[in-house]
Protein backbone atom coordinates (compact mmCIF):
# COMPACT_ATOMS: atom_id res chain seq x y z
CA UNK A 1 0.07 -0.03 -0.16
CA UNK A 2 2.81 2.60 1.16
CA UNK A 3 4.65 1.59 -2.07
CA UNK A 4 1.72 2.43 -4.46
CA UNK A 5 1.24 5.81 -2.81
CA UNK A 6 4.54 6.56 -3.29
CA UNK A 7 4.24 5.75 -7.06
CA UNK A 8 0.89 7.87 -7.13
CA UNK A 9 2.64 10.57 -5.65
CA UNK A 10 5.45 10.57 -7.85
CA UNK A 11 3.25 10.84 -10.71
CA UNK A 12 1.19 13.47 -9.51
CA UNK A 13 4.30 15.64 -8.61
CA UNK A 14 5.34 14.97 -12.54
CA UNK A 15 1.66 16.00 -13.54
CA UNK A 16 2.13 18.95 -11.37
CA UNK A 17 5.31 20.32 -12.51
CA UNK A 18 4.09 20.22 -16.20
CA UNK A 19 0.90 21.90 -15.28
CA UNK A 20 3.02 24.63 -13.25
CA UNK A 21 5.52 25.03 -16.18
CA UNK A 22 2.54 25.24 -18.74
CA UNK A 23 0.78 27.64 -16.68
CA UNK A 24 3.27 30.30 -16.00
CA UNK A 25 3.25 31.26 -19.49
CA UNK A 26 -0.54 32.35 -19.02
CA UNK A 27 0.11 34.62 -16.03
CA UNK A 28 0.01 37.85 -17.88
CA UNK A 29 -2.66 40.67 -17.55
CA UNK A 30 -3.89 40.18 -21.08
CA UNK A 31 -4.75 36.26 -20.21
CA UNK A 32 -6.33 36.63 -17.19
CA UNK A 33 -8.13 39.63 -18.02
CA UNK A 34 -10.04 38.29 -21.17
CA UNK A 35 -9.57 34.38 -20.84
CA UNK A 36 -6.93 34.40 -23.12
CA UNK A 37 -5.69 34.39 -26.70
CA UNK A 38 -7.61 31.06 -27.36
CA UNK A 39 -11.35 30.96 -28.15
CA UNK A 40 -13.16 31.06 -24.42
CA UNK A 41 -16.13 29.62 -26.22
CA UNK A 42 -16.69 25.77 -25.94
CA UNK A 43 -19.53 24.29 -28.29
CA UNK A 44 -20.91 21.86 -25.65
CA UNK A 45 -22.40 21.54 -22.00
CA UNK A 46 -20.52 22.27 -18.85
CA UNK A 47 -20.51 18.66 -18.95
CA UNK A 48 -19.25 17.86 -22.36
CA UNK A 49 -16.26 20.22 -21.61
CA UNK A 50 -15.13 18.16 -18.16
CA UNK A 51 -15.53 15.10 -20.36
CA UNK A 52 -13.55 16.44 -23.07
CA UNK A 53 -10.45 17.21 -20.72
CA UNK A 54 -9.56 13.53 -18.97
CA UNK A 55 -6.12 15.03 -18.03
CA UNK A 56 -7.85 17.51 -15.57
CA UNK A 57 -11.26 16.16 -14.81
CA UNK A 58 -11.33 12.00 -15.08
CA UNK A 59 -11.89 11.64 -11.56
CA UNK A 60 -14.46 14.68 -11.29
CA UNK A 61 -16.75 13.14 -14.08
CA UNK A 62 -16.72 10.13 -12.30
CA UNK A 63 -17.98 12.06 -9.02
CA UNK A 64 -20.49 13.72 -11.10
CA UNK A 65 -21.97 10.53 -12.08
CA UNK A 66 -21.76 8.84 -8.85
CA UNK A 67 -23.46 11.65 -7.52
CA UNK A 68 -26.11 11.56 -10.04
CA UNK A 69 -25.48 15.29 -11.13
CA UNK A 70 -25.24 15.00 -14.40
CA UNK A 71 -28.43 17.28 -15.27
CA UNK A 72 -27.02 20.04 -13.36
CA UNK A 73 -24.15 20.17 -15.62
CA UNK A 74 -26.10 19.32 -18.89
CA UNK A 75 -28.89 21.58 -18.52
CA UNK A 76 -28.89 24.36 -15.73
CA UNK A 77 -27.22 27.52 -16.41
CA UNK A 78 -24.18 27.74 -13.78
CA UNK A 79 -20.69 29.17 -12.77
CA UNK A 80 -18.72 25.98 -11.90
CA UNK A 81 -15.50 26.44 -10.25
CA UNK A 82 -13.82 23.21 -10.99
CA UNK A 83 -11.78 21.55 -8.67
CA UNK A 84 -9.05 19.21 -10.78
CA UNK A 85 -8.19 15.38 -10.16
CA UNK A 86 -5.49 16.39 -8.06
CA UNK A 87 -7.85 18.08 -5.57
CA UNK A 88 -10.09 15.03 -5.22
CA UNK A 89 -7.07 12.57 -4.82
CA UNK A 90 -5.63 14.64 -2.18
CA UNK A 91 -8.94 13.93 -0.03
CA UNK A 92 -9.41 10.87 -0.90
CA UNK A 93 -5.51 9.84 0.19
CA UNK A 94 -6.42 11.80 3.15
CA UNK A 95 -9.55 9.83 3.77
CA UNK A 96 -7.49 6.57 3.04
CA UNK A 97 -4.73 7.23 5.68
CA UNK A 98 -7.39 7.78 8.41
CA UNK A 99 -9.50 4.71 7.49
CA UNK A 100 -6.53 2.45 6.68
CA UNK A 101 -3.82 3.69 8.70
CA UNK A 102 -5.58 4.99 11.88
CA UNK A 103 -8.53 3.15 12.18
CA UNK A 104 -7.03 -0.23 10.91
CA UNK A 105 -9.92 -0.36 8.12
CA UNK A 106 -9.88 -1.84 4.58
CA UNK A 107 -8.41 0.66 2.20
CA UNK A 108 -10.44 3.30 0.43
CA UNK A 109 -9.28 3.93 -3.17
CA UNK A 110 -12.36 4.20 -5.20
CA UNK A 111 -14.70 7.15 -5.39
CA UNK A 112 -17.69 4.88 -5.27
CA UNK A 113 -16.51 3.47 -1.58
CA UNK A 114 -17.63 7.26 -0.58
CA UNK A 115 -21.63 7.49 -0.54
CA UNK A 116 -23.09 9.61 -3.45
CA UNK A 117 -24.83 12.08 -0.96
CA UNK A 118 -21.46 13.21 0.00
CA UNK A 119 -20.08 13.99 -3.09
CA UNK A 120 -23.37 15.69 -3.99
CA UNK A 121 -23.10 17.80 -0.78
CA UNK A 122 -19.75 19.24 -1.24
CA UNK A 123 -19.68 19.37 -5.05
CA UNK A 124 -22.65 21.92 -4.85
CA UNK A 125 -20.15 24.01 -2.94
CA UNK A 126 -18.42 24.93 -6.28
CA UNK A 127 -21.70 25.60 -8.31
CA UNK A 128 -23.28 29.08 -8.34
CA UNK A 129 -26.71 29.85 -10.28
CA UNK A 130 -26.18 31.88 -13.47
CA UNK A 131 -23.34 32.68 -15.44
CA UNK A 132 -20.36 35.08 -14.08
CA UNK A 133 -17.17 35.71 -15.92
CA UNK A 134 -14.21 37.41 -14.37
CA UNK A 135 -15.34 40.94 -15.36
CA UNK A 136 -18.77 40.51 -13.88
CA UNK A 137 -17.18 39.82 -10.50
CA UNK A 138 -16.13 42.69 -8.02
CA UNK A 139 -12.38 43.44 -6.96
CA UNK A 140 -11.21 41.70 -3.83
CA UNK A 141 -8.17 42.82 -1.26
CA UNK A 142 -8.11 40.50 1.47
CA UNK A 143 -6.52 43.25 3.43
CA UNK A 144 -8.80 46.01 2.66
CA UNK A 145 -11.97 44.18 2.92
CA UNK A 146 -14.09 47.52 3.27
CA UNK A 147 -13.04 49.10 0.08
CA UNK A 148 -12.46 45.61 -1.97
CA UNK A 149 -15.05 43.35 -0.53
CA UNK A 150 -15.75 40.80 -3.64
CA UNK A 151 -19.33 40.04 -3.80
CA UNK A 152 -21.32 37.02 -1.64
CA UNK A 153 -23.13 34.40 -3.47
CA UNK A 154 -25.41 31.24 -2.44
CA UNK A 155 -24.00 27.72 -4.01
CA UNK A 156 -26.25 24.86 -4.91
CA UNK A 157 -26.61 23.52 -1.48
CA UNK A 158 -27.46 27.10 -0.11
CA UNK A 159 -24.05 27.79 1.52
CA UNK A 160 -23.12 31.26 1.44
CA UNK A 161 -19.87 31.58 -0.41
CA UNK A 162 -17.61 34.66 -1.96
CA UNK A 163 -15.99 35.40 -5.14
CA UNK A 164 -13.90 38.33 -5.97
CA UNK A 165 -11.07 39.65 -8.41
CA UNK A 166 -7.88 40.13 -6.89
CA UNK A 167 -5.51 42.60 -8.57
CA UNK A 168 -1.93 41.65 -7.90
CA UNK A 169 0.78 44.09 -7.58
CA UNK A 170 3.55 44.60 -10.18
CA UNK A 171 6.88 46.45 -10.09
CA UNK A 172 6.07 47.99 -6.98
CA UNK A 173 2.94 49.25 -8.14
CA UNK A 174 -0.56 48.34 -6.33
CA UNK A 175 -3.17 46.60 -8.15
CA UNK A 176 -0.98 46.92 -11.74
CA UNK A 177 -0.40 43.42 -12.26
CA UNK A 178 -2.28 40.22 -13.58
CA UNK A 179 -5.88 39.69 -12.15
CA UNK A 180 -7.18 36.41 -10.55
CA UNK A 181 -10.27 34.98 -9.15
CA UNK A 182 -10.82 33.77 -5.82
CA UNK A 183 -13.24 31.53 -4.44
CA UNK A 184 -13.92 31.01 -0.74
CA UNK A 185 -15.70 28.54 1.10
CA UNK A 186 -16.06 30.62 4.46
CA UNK A 187 -18.21 33.97 4.65
CA UNK A 188 -15.69 36.24 3.97
CA UNK A 189 -12.19 35.97 2.64
CA UNK A 190 -9.32 35.34 4.99
CA UNK A 191 -5.95 34.55 4.24
CA UNK A 192 -6.32 30.73 4.58
CA UNK A 193 -5.03 28.42 2.06
CA UNK A 194 -7.32 25.55 3.15
CA UNK A 195 -10.66 27.53 2.62
CA UNK A 196 -9.60 29.61 -0.24
CA UNK A 197 -9.54 28.56 -3.74
CA UNK A 198 -7.45 30.47 -6.27
CA UNK A 199 -8.78 30.01 -10.05
CA UNK A 200 -5.67 28.99 -12.86
CA UNK A 201 -7.90 29.42 -15.67
CA UNK A 202 -11.04 31.41 -16.18
CA UNK A 203 -13.89 32.11 -18.38
CA UNK A 204 -14.10 29.29 -20.31
CA UNK A 205 -17.77 29.22 -21.60
CA UNK A 206 -19.59 26.27 -22.78
CA UNK A 207 -23.19 26.80 -24.18
CA UNK A 208 -25.01 26.87 -20.51
CA UNK A 209 -22.65 28.11 -18.43
CA UNK A 210 -18.82 29.51 -17.09
CA UNK A 211 -16.19 27.22 -15.87
CA UNK A 212 -13.28 28.52 -13.85
CA UNK A 213 -10.40 25.80 -13.24
CA UNK A 214 -9.22 26.12 -9.79
CA UNK A 215 -5.45 25.78 -8.98
CA UNK A 216 -4.89 22.51 -7.46
CA UNK A 217 -2.05 23.27 -5.49
CA UNK A 218 -2.98 23.66 -1.67
CA UNK A 219 -6.78 23.00 -2.24
CA UNK A 220 -8.45 19.64 -1.33
CA UNK A 221 -11.52 18.75 -2.46
CA UNK A 222 -14.52 20.02 0.09
CA UNK A 223 -12.15 23.15 0.89
CA UNK A 224 -11.52 21.33 3.97
CA UNK A 225 -9.83 17.95 4.22
CA UNK A 226 -10.93 17.13 7.78
CA UNK A 227 -14.55 17.85 6.52
CA UNK A 228 -14.67 15.75 3.46
CA UNK A 229 -12.96 12.87 5.93
CA UNK A 230 -15.45 13.38 8.64
CA UNK A 231 -18.58 13.63 6.34
CA UNK A 232 -17.59 10.28 4.39
CA UNK A 233 -17.14 8.56 7.73
CA UNK A 234 -20.12 9.79 8.92
CA UNK A 235 -22.09 8.62 5.82
CA UNK A 236 -20.35 5.16 5.87
CA UNK A 237 -17.72 3.87 3.77
CA UNK A 238 -18.76 1.06 1.15
CA UNK A 239 -16.48 -2.05 0.31
CA UNK A 240 -14.25 -1.92 -2.86
CA UNK A 241 -15.97 -3.05 -6.02
CA UNK A 242 -14.52 -6.05 -7.43
């Protein structure tokens, strides 16, 4: 089991480095202001877009199917802050560590071992009704909330969420750098990487909504790995499917 996780972690590290390298070329103001030089429009539903990128969303698509949420991603008009497979695997590894190493139970390695209602509840945190591209979202400064508070929204499970457009500094000039969306689980933005989720790629626009792809580094699925573990354990862990 330990050797398998070491191999998986090495694989994820390699993938992470490749994504970081490719992503650094996009960290300029034009890219983050308008969604990039590539066409931001996708001729298909949000679900179709996620299915078209198994390099990023294979596990996420499996979660959506297991949670029976396909209709939301195919028919509803939504803004989706899409967690990558890296985030899902981090939370699953945390659950397995707790269940296998600390509780002495059989390992948890399959998405289907976690009850659908747990995935449904936590995945709903990432979904907002209606379309919001970056230009629709107010500025956010986490150290100047009175002036730039971002904006509060309600997620699909009726949890208060916040989002805002962070203006980074450049060459010592305040707010002159690139702009980046920040999405938060808590009721206001705090300097807490466990509950905040920065967007790596914004304004992808399928026919029924907007997709903002979350930065996978530092973000665990559910915004808090402990909460994911607690909810999964409380609902009950199913045996591995043969």
